[in-house]
Amino acid sequence: IVSATAFHWIDPSVGLAKADRLLRPGGWVAL
């Protein structure tokens, strides 16, 4: 899951928690 100059617009109570939920085990988030 990648986001360029946009992740700060996401509800911080949702952002990383939802990214973790959508990723496979060992998947990466890149900001």
PDB file of all heavy atoms in Angstrom:
ATOM      1  N   ILE A   1       0.876  -1.167   0.000  1.00  0.00           N
ATOM      2  CA  ILE A   1       0.000   0.000   0.000  1.00  0.00           C
ATOM      3  C   ILE A   1       0.911   1.213   0.000  1.00  0.00           C
ATOM      4  O   ILE A   1       1.780   1.351   0.866  1.00  0.00           O
ATOM      5  CB  ILE A   1      -0.937   0.016   1.223  1.00  0.00           C
ATOM      6  CG1 ILE A   1      -1.937  -1.143   1.148  1.00  0.00           C
ATOM      7  CG2 ILE A   1      -1.677   1.350   1.312  1.00  0.00           C
ATOM      8  CD1 ILE A   1      -2.862  -1.246   2.344  1.00  0.00           C
ATOM      9  N   VAL A   2       0.733   2.090  -0.994  1.00  0.00           N
ATOM     10  CA  VAL A   2       1.618   3.240  -1.144  1.00  0.00           C
ATOM     11  C   VAL A   2       0.780   4.508  -1.251  1.00  0.00           C
ATOM     12  O   VAL A   2      -0.318   4.504  -1.818  1.00  0.00           O
ATOM     13  CB  VAL A   2       2.531   3.065  -2.384  1.00  0.00           C
ATOM     14  CG1 VAL A   2       1.707   2.939  -3.656  1.00  0.00           C
ATOM     15  CG2 VAL A   2       3.524   4.203  -2.497  1.00  0.00           C
ATOM     16  N   SER A   3       1.290   5.584  -0.679  1.00  0.00           N
ATOM     17  CA  SER A   3       0.590   6.861  -0.729  1.00  0.00           C
ATOM     18  C   SER A   3       1.619   7.979  -0.815  1.00  0.00           C
ATOM     19  O   SER A   3       2.537   8.053   0.007  1.00  0.00           O
ATOM     20  CB  SER A   3      -0.296   7.047   0.506  1.00  0.00           C
ATOM     21  OG  SER A   3      -1.034   8.257   0.412  1.00  0.00           O
ATOM     22  N   ALA A   4       1.483   8.828  -1.820  1.00  0.00           N
ATOM     23  CA  ALA A   4       2.434   9.911  -2.039  1.00  0.00           C
ATOM     24  C   ALA A   4       1.774  11.261  -1.790  1.00  0.00           C
ATOM     25  O   ALA A   4       0.825  11.633  -2.473  1.00  0.00           O
ATOM     26  CB  ALA A   4       2.985   9.842  -3.467  1.00  0.00           C
ATOM     27  N   THR A   5       2.259  11.950  -0.782  1.00  0.00           N
ATOM     28  CA  THR A   5       1.782  13.285  -0.421  1.00  0.00           C
ATOM     29  C   THR A   5       0.274  13.303  -0.231  1.00  0.00           C
ATOM     30  O   THR A   5      -0.414  14.241  -0.631  1.00  0.00           O
ATOM     31  CB  THR A   5       2.200  14.314  -1.498  1.00  0.00           C
ATOM     32  OG1 THR A   5       3.516  14.003  -1.966  1.00  0.00           O
ATOM     33  CG2 THR A   5       2.242  15.729  -0.928  1.00  0.00           C
ATOM     34  N   ALA A   6      -0.254  12.245   0.377  1.00  0.00           N
ATOM     35  CA  ALA A   6      -1.707  12.168   0.555  1.00  0.00           C
ATOM     36  C   ALA A   6      -2.122  11.538   1.879  1.00  0.00           C
ATOM     37  O   ALA A   6      -3.264  11.729   2.312  1.00  0.00           O
ATOM     38  CB  ALA A   6      -2.323  11.369  -0.592  1.00  0.00           C
ATOM     39  N   PHE A   7      -1.251  10.819   2.536  1.00  0.00           N
ATOM     40  CA  PHE A   7      -1.671  10.057   3.710  1.00  0.00           C
ATOM     41  C   PHE A   7      -2.081  10.958   4.874  1.00  0.00           C
ATOM     42  O   PHE A   7      -2.859  10.552   5.746  1.00  0.00           O
ATOM     43  CB  PHE A   7      -0.554   9.108   4.162  1.00  0.00           C
ATOM     44  CG  PHE A   7      -1.039   7.911   4.925  1.00  0.00           C
ATOM     45  CD1 PHE A   7      -1.684   6.861   4.277  1.00  0.00           C
ATOM     46  CD2 PHE A   7      -0.872   7.820   6.302  1.00  0.00           C
ATOM     47  CE1 PHE A   7      -2.146   5.751   4.980  1.00  0.00           C
ATOM     48  CE2 PHE A   7      -1.327   6.717   7.014  1.00  0.00           C
ATOM     49  CZ  PHE A   7      -1.970   5.681   6.353  1.00  0.00           C
ATOM     50  N   HIS A   8      -1.596  12.191   4.888  1.00  0.00           N
ATOM     51  CA  HIS A   8      -1.959  13.114   5.967  1.00  0.00           C
ATOM     52  C   HIS A   8      -3.415  13.573   5.867  1.00  0.00           C
ATOM     53  O   HIS A   8      -3.939  14.179   6.805  1.00  0.00           O
ATOM     54  CB  HIS A   8      -1.032  14.331   5.992  1.00  0.00           C
ATOM     55  CG  HIS A   8      -1.022  15.110   4.712  1.00  0.00           C
ATOM     56  ND1 HIS A   8      -0.480  14.620   3.536  1.00  0.00           N
ATOM     57  CD2 HIS A   8      -1.489  16.352   4.413  1.00  0.00           C
ATOM     58  CE1 HIS A   8      -0.611  15.517   2.579  1.00  0.00           C
ATOM     59  NE2 HIS A   8      -1.220  16.581   3.082  1.00  0.00           N
ATOM     60  N   TRP A   9      -4.060  13.289   4.721  1.00  0.00           N
ATOM     61  CA  TRP A   9      -5.473  13.639   4.573  1.00  0.00           C
ATOM     62  C   TRP A   9      -6.397  12.550   5.090  1.00  0.00           C
ATOM     63  O   TRP A   9      -7.616  12.729   5.131  1.00  0.00           O
ATOM     64  CB  TRP A   9      -5.801  13.930   3.109  1.00  0.00           C
ATOM     65  CG  TRP A   9      -5.080  15.108   2.541  1.00  0.00           C
ATOM     66  CD1 TRP A   9      -4.199  15.123   1.511  1.00  0.00           C
ATOM     67  CD2 TRP A   9      -5.175  16.471   2.987  1.00  0.00           C
ATOM     68  NE1 TRP A   9      -3.743  16.392   1.281  1.00  0.00           N
ATOM     69  CE2 TRP A   9      -4.326  17.238   2.170  1.00  0.00           C
ATOM     70  CE3 TRP A   9      -5.905  17.111   3.997  1.00  0.00           C
ATOM     71  CZ2 TRP A   9      -4.174  18.619   2.341  1.00  0.00           C
ATOM     72  CZ3 TRP A   9      -5.757  18.469   4.170  1.00  0.00           C
ATOM     73  CH2 TRP A   9      -4.910  19.218   3.352  1.00  0.00           C
ATOM     74  N   ILE A  10      -5.849  11.424   5.498  1.00  0.00           N
ATOM     75  CA  ILE A  10      -6.659  10.307   5.983  1.00  0.00           C
ATOM     76  C   ILE A  10      -6.880  10.445   7.489  1.00  0.00           C
ATOM     77  O   ILE A  10      -5.985  10.878   8.225  1.00  0.00           O
ATOM     78  CB  ILE A  10      -5.963   8.965   5.677  1.00  0.00           C
ATOM     79  CG1 ILE A  10      -5.838   8.782   4.159  1.00  0.00           C
ATOM     80  CG2 ILE A  10      -6.712   7.792   6.282  1.00  0.00           C
ATOM     81  CD1 ILE A  10      -4.967   7.625   3.766  1.00  0.00           C
ATOM     82  N   ASP A  11      -8.046  10.071   7.942  1.00  0.00           N
ATOM     83  CA  ASP A  11      -8.356  10.053   9.372  1.00  0.00           C
ATOM     84  C   ASP A  11      -7.273   9.239  10.085  1.00  0.00           C
ATOM     85  O   ASP A  11      -7.103   8.052   9.811  1.00  0.00           O
ATOM     86  CB  ASP A  11      -9.728   9.408   9.577  1.00  0.00           C
ATOM     87  CG  ASP A  11     -10.190   9.431  11.023  1.00  0.00           C
ATOM     88  OD1 ASP A  11      -9.344   9.583  11.929  1.00  0.00           O
ATOM     89  OD2 ASP A  11     -11.404   9.271  11.252  1.00  0.00           O
ATOM     90  N   PRO A  12      -6.506   9.860  10.984  1.00  0.00           N
ATOM     91  CA  PRO A  12      -5.414   9.131  11.627  1.00  0.00           C
ATOM     92  C   PRO A  12      -5.865   7.961  12.480  1.00  0.00           C
ATOM     93  O   PRO A  12      -5.078   7.049  12.748  1.00  0.00           O
ATOM     94  CB  PRO A  12      -4.716  10.209  12.468  1.00  0.00           C
ATOM     95  CG  PRO A  12      -5.746  11.268  12.672  1.00  0.00           C
ATOM     96  CD  PRO A  12      -6.579  11.263  11.426  1.00  0.00           C
ATOM     97  N   SER A  13      -7.125   7.953  12.882  1.00  0.00           N
ATOM     98  CA  SER A  13      -7.618   6.808  13.641  1.00  0.00           C
ATOM     99  C   SER A  13      -7.914   5.620  12.730  1.00  0.00           C
ATOM    100  O   SER A  13      -8.137   4.503  13.203  1.00  0.00           O
ATOM    101  CB  SER A  13      -8.882   7.194  14.425  1.00  0.00           C
ATOM    102  OG  SER A  13      -9.972   7.430  13.555  1.00  0.00           O
ATOM    103  N   VAL A  14      -7.898   5.866  11.411  1.00  0.00           N
ATOM    104  CA  VAL A  14      -8.207   4.824  10.434  1.00  0.00           C
ATOM    105  C   VAL A  14      -6.965   4.378   9.663  1.00  0.00           C
ATOM    106  O   VAL A  14      -6.760   3.183   9.429  1.00  0.00           O
ATOM    107  CB  VAL A  14      -9.282   5.316   9.436  1.00  0.00           C
ATOM    108  CG1 VAL A  14      -9.495   4.298   8.317  1.00  0.00           C
ATOM    109  CG2 VAL A  14     -10.586   5.612  10.158  1.00  0.00           C
ATOM    110  N   GLY A  15      -6.133   5.343   9.268  1.00  0.00           N
ATOM    111  CA  GLY A  15      -5.087   5.120   8.285  1.00  0.00           C
ATOM    112  C   GLY A  15      -4.224   3.883   8.442  1.00  0.00           C
ATOM    113  O   GLY A  15      -4.320   2.926   7.660  1.00  0.00           O
ATOM    114  N   LEU A  16      -3.356   3.865   9.440  1.00  0.00           N
ATOM    115  CA  LEU A  16      -2.424   2.751   9.588  1.00  0.00           C
ATOM    116  C   LEU A  16      -3.120   1.471  10.016  1.00  0.00           C
ATOM    117  O   LEU A  16      -2.727   0.381   9.594  1.00  0.00           O
ATOM    118  CB  LEU A  16      -1.317   3.121  10.575  1.00  0.00           C
ATOM    119  CG  LEU A  16      -0.317   4.173  10.068  1.00  0.00           C
ATOM    120  CD1 LEU A  16       0.677   4.530  11.172  1.00  0.00           C
ATOM    121  CD2 LEU A  16       0.439   3.660   8.835  1.00  0.00           C
ATOM    122  N   ALA A  17      -4.158   1.598  10.822  1.00  0.00           N
ATOM    123  CA  ALA A  17      -4.887   0.396  11.259  1.00  0.00           C
ATOM    124  C   ALA A  17      -5.530  -0.297  10.070  1.00  0.00           C
ATOM    125  O   ALA A  17      -5.483  -1.532   9.945  1.00  0.00           O
ATOM    126  CB  ALA A  17      -5.942   0.768  12.298  1.00  0.00           C
ATOM    127  N   LYS A  18      -6.117   0.484   9.166  1.00  0.00           N
ATOM    128  CA  LYS A  18      -6.763  -0.121   8.007  1.00  0.00           C
ATOM    129  C   LYS A  18      -5.723  -0.647   7.025  1.00  0.00           C
ATOM    130  O   LYS A  18      -5.911  -1.721   6.419  1.00  0.00           O
ATOM    131  CB  LYS A  18      -7.677   0.884   7.315  1.00  0.00           C
ATOM    132  CG  LYS A  18      -8.464   0.280   6.156  1.00  0.00           C
ATOM    133  CD  LYS A  18      -9.605   1.167   5.722  1.00  0.00           C
ATOM    134  CE  LYS A  18     -10.455   0.495   4.647  1.00  0.00           C
ATOM    135  NZ  LYS A  18     -11.645   1.298   4.301  1.00  0.00           N
ATOM    136  N   ALA A  19      -4.610   0.071   6.859  1.00  0.00           N
ATOM    137  CA  ALA A  19      -3.545  -0.427   5.991  1.00  0.00           C
ATOM    138  C   ALA A  19      -3.059  -1.783   6.465  1.00  0.00           C
ATOM    139  O   ALA A  19      -2.884  -2.712   5.665  1.00  0.00           O
ATOM    140  CB  ALA A  19      -2.392   0.570   5.953  1.00  0.00           C
ATOM    141  N   ASP A  20      -2.868  -1.921   7.751  1.00  0.00           N
ATOM    142  CA  ASP A  20      -2.434  -3.200   8.318  1.00  0.00           C
ATOM    143  C   ASP A  20      -3.454  -4.301   8.029  1.00  0.00           C
ATOM    144  O   ASP A  20      -3.097  -5.423   7.668  1.00  0.00           O
ATOM    145  CB  ASP A  20      -2.232  -3.043   9.827  1.00  0.00           C
ATOM    146  CG  ASP A  20      -1.920  -4.357  10.516  1.00  0.00           C
ATOM    147  OD1 ASP A  20      -0.921  -5.006  10.154  1.00  0.00           O
ATOM    148  OD2 ASP A  20      -2.688  -4.744  11.416  1.00  0.00           O
ATOM    149  N   ARG A  21      -4.714  -3.946   8.126  1.00  0.00           N
ATOM    150  CA  ARG A  21      -5.784  -4.930   7.912  1.00  0.00           C
ATOM    151  C   ARG A  21      -5.851  -5.390   6.452  1.00  0.00           C
ATOM    152  O   ARG A  21      -6.186  -6.545   6.167  1.00  0.00           O
ATOM    153  CB  ARG A  21      -7.116  -4.314   8.333  1.00  0.00           C
ATOM    154  CG  ARG A  21      -8.259  -5.292   8.458  1.00  0.00           C
ATOM    155  CD  ARG A  21      -9.435  -4.694   9.210  1.00  0.00           C
ATOM    156  NE  ARG A  21     -10.091  -3.603   8.514  1.00  0.00           N
ATOM    157  CZ  ARG A  21     -10.088  -2.336   8.932  1.00  0.00           C
ATOM    158  NH1 ARG A  21      -9.451  -1.988  10.040  1.00  0.00           N
ATOM    159  NH2 ARG A  21     -10.734  -1.396   8.256  1.00  0.00           N
ATOM    160  N   LEU A  22      -5.518  -4.493   5.526  1.00  0.00           N
ATOM    161  CA  LEU A  22      -5.611  -4.815   4.109  1.00  0.00           C
ATOM    162  C   LEU A  22      -4.364  -5.499   3.554  1.00  0.00           C
ATOM    163  O   LEU A  22      -4.394  -6.042   2.441  1.00  0.00           O
ATOM    164  CB  LEU A  22      -5.876  -3.542   3.294  1.00  0.00           C
ATOM    165  CG  LEU A  22      -7.209  -2.828   3.529  1.00  0.00           C
ATOM    166  CD1 LEU A  22      -7.305  -1.601   2.641  1.00  0.00           C
ATOM    167  CD2 LEU A  22      -8.384  -3.752   3.265  1.00  0.00           C
ATOM    168  N   LEU A  23      -3.276  -5.469   4.292  1.00  0.00           N
ATOM    169  CA  LEU A  23      -2.027  -6.051   3.816  1.00  0.00           C
ATOM    170  C   LEU A  23      -1.939  -7.537   4.154  1.00  0.00           C
ATOM    171  O   LEU A  23      -2.431  -7.985   5.194  1.00  0.00           O
ATOM    172  CB  LEU A  23      -0.831  -5.325   4.442  1.00  0.00           C
ATOM    173  CG  LEU A  23      -0.523  -3.926   3.887  1.00  0.00           C
ATOM    174  CD1 LEU A  23       0.435  -3.191   4.814  1.00  0.00           C
ATOM    175  CD2 LEU A  23       0.062  -4.014   2.466  1.00  0.00           C
ATOM    176  N   ARG A  24      -1.283  -8.274   3.287  1.00  0.00           N
ATOM    177  CA  ARG A  24      -0.970  -9.657   3.608  1.00  0.00           C
ATOM    178  C   ARG A  24       0.078  -9.671   4.714  1.00  0.00           C
ATOM    179  O   ARG A  24       0.783  -8.666   4.918  1.00  0.00           O
ATOM    180  CB  ARG A  24      -0.437 -10.394   2.376  1.00  0.00           C
ATOM    181  CG  ARG A  24       0.904  -9.852   1.868  1.00  0.00           C
ATOM    182  CD  ARG A  24       1.571 -10.801   0.912  1.00  0.00           C
ATOM    183  NE  ARG A  24       2.782 -10.226   0.323  1.00  0.00           N
ATOM    184  CZ  ARG A  24       3.955 -10.160   0.947  1.00  0.00           C
ATOM    185  NH1 ARG A  24       4.093 -10.585   2.189  1.00  0.00           N
ATOM    186  NH2 ARG A  24       5.003  -9.626   0.330  1.00  0.00           N
ATOM    187  N   PRO A  25       0.248 -10.759   5.440  1.00  0.00           N
ATOM    188  CA  PRO A  25       1.332 -10.841   6.423  1.00  0.00           C
ATOM    189  C   PRO A  25       2.680 -10.554   5.759  1.00  0.00           C
ATOM    190  O   PRO A  25       3.013 -11.143   4.726  1.00  0.00           O
ATOM    191  CB  PRO A  25       1.243 -12.287   6.908  1.00  0.00           C
ATOM    192  CG  PRO A  25      -0.188 -12.654   6.716  1.00  0.00           C
ATOM    193  CD  PRO A  25      -0.610 -11.962   5.443  1.00  0.00           C
ATOM    194  N   GLY A  26       3.410  -9.610   6.295  1.00  0.00           N
ATOM    195  CA  GLY A  26       4.686  -9.223   5.709  1.00  0.00           C
ATOM    196  C   GLY A  26       4.584  -8.210   4.592  1.00  0.00           C
ATOM    197  O   GLY A  26       5.601  -7.791   4.032  1.00  0.00           O
ATOM    198  N   GLY A  27       3.341  -7.789   4.260  1.00  0.00           N
ATOM    199  CA  GLY A  27       3.168  -6.753   3.246  1.00  0.00           C
ATOM    200  C   GLY A  27       3.651  -5.401   3.769  1.00  0.00           C
ATOM    201  O   GLY A  27       3.791  -5.202   4.978  1.00  0.00           O
ATOM    202  N   TRP A  28       3.885  -4.479   2.853  1.00  0.00           N
ATOM    203  CA  TRP A  28       4.499  -3.201   3.217  1.00  0.00           C
ATOM    204  C   TRP A  28       3.557  -2.025   2.986  1.00  0.00           C
ATOM    205  O   TRP A  28       2.770  -2.024   2.037  1.00  0.00           O
ATOM    206  CB  TRP A  28       5.757  -2.978   2.379  1.00  0.00           C
ATOM    207  CG  TRP A  28       6.916  -3.848   2.760  1.00  0.00           C
ATOM    208  CD1 TRP A  28       7.047  -5.195   2.543  1.00  0.00           C
ATOM    209  CD2 TRP A  28       8.107  -3.426   3.420  1.00  0.00           C
ATOM    210  NE1 TRP A  28       8.253  -5.638   3.035  1.00  0.00           N
ATOM    211  CE2 TRP A  28       8.931  -4.580   3.568  1.00  0.00           C
ATOM    212  CE3 TRP A  28       8.567  -2.201   3.891  1.00  0.00           C
ATOM    213  CZ2 TRP A  28      10.181  -4.530   4.175  1.00  0.00           C
ATOM    214  CZ3 TRP A  28       9.830  -2.144   4.497  1.00  0.00           C
ATOM    215  CH2 TRP A  28      10.615  -3.296   4.641  1.00  0.00           C
ATOM    216  N   VAL A  29       3.703  -1.011   3.841  1.00  0.00           N
ATOM    217  CA  VAL A  29       3.104   0.291   3.599  1.00  0.00           C
ATOM    218  C   VAL A  29       4.250   1.253   3.325  1.00  0.00           C
ATOM    219  O   VAL A  29       5.277   1.227   4.010  1.00  0.00           O
ATOM    220  CB  VAL A  29       2.241   0.767   4.795  1.00  0.00           C
ATOM    221  CG1 VAL A  29       3.056   0.927   6.067  1.00  0.00           C
ATOM    222  CG2 VAL A  29       1.539   2.072   4.448  1.00  0.00           C
ATOM    223  N   ALA A  30       4.098   2.075   2.280  1.00  0.00           N
ATOM    224  CA  ALA A  30       5.130   3.032   1.889  1.00  0.00           C
ATOM    225  C   ALA A  30       4.501   4.413   1.740  1.00  0.00           C
ATOM    226  O   ALA A  30       3.545   4.581   0.977  1.00  0.00           O
ATOM    227  CB  ALA A  30       5.785   2.604   0.577  1.00  0.00           C
ATOM    228  N   LEU A  31       5.030   5.389   2.468  1.00  0.00           N
ATOM    229  CA  LEU A  31       4.466   6.736   2.493  1.00  0.00           C
ATOM    230  C   LEU A  31       5.528   7.728   2.040  1.00  0.00           C
ATOM    231  O   LEU A  31       6.660   7.702   2.532  1.00  0.00           O
ATOM    232  CB  LEU A  31       3.960   7.079   3.896  1.00  0.00           C
ATOM    233  CG  LEU A  31       2.999   6.045   4.512  1.00  0.00           C
ATOM    234  CD1 LEU A  31       2.617   6.458   5.922  1.00  0.00           C
ATOM    235  CD2 LEU A  31       1.755   5.871   3.643  1.00  0.00           C
TER     236      LEU A  31
END
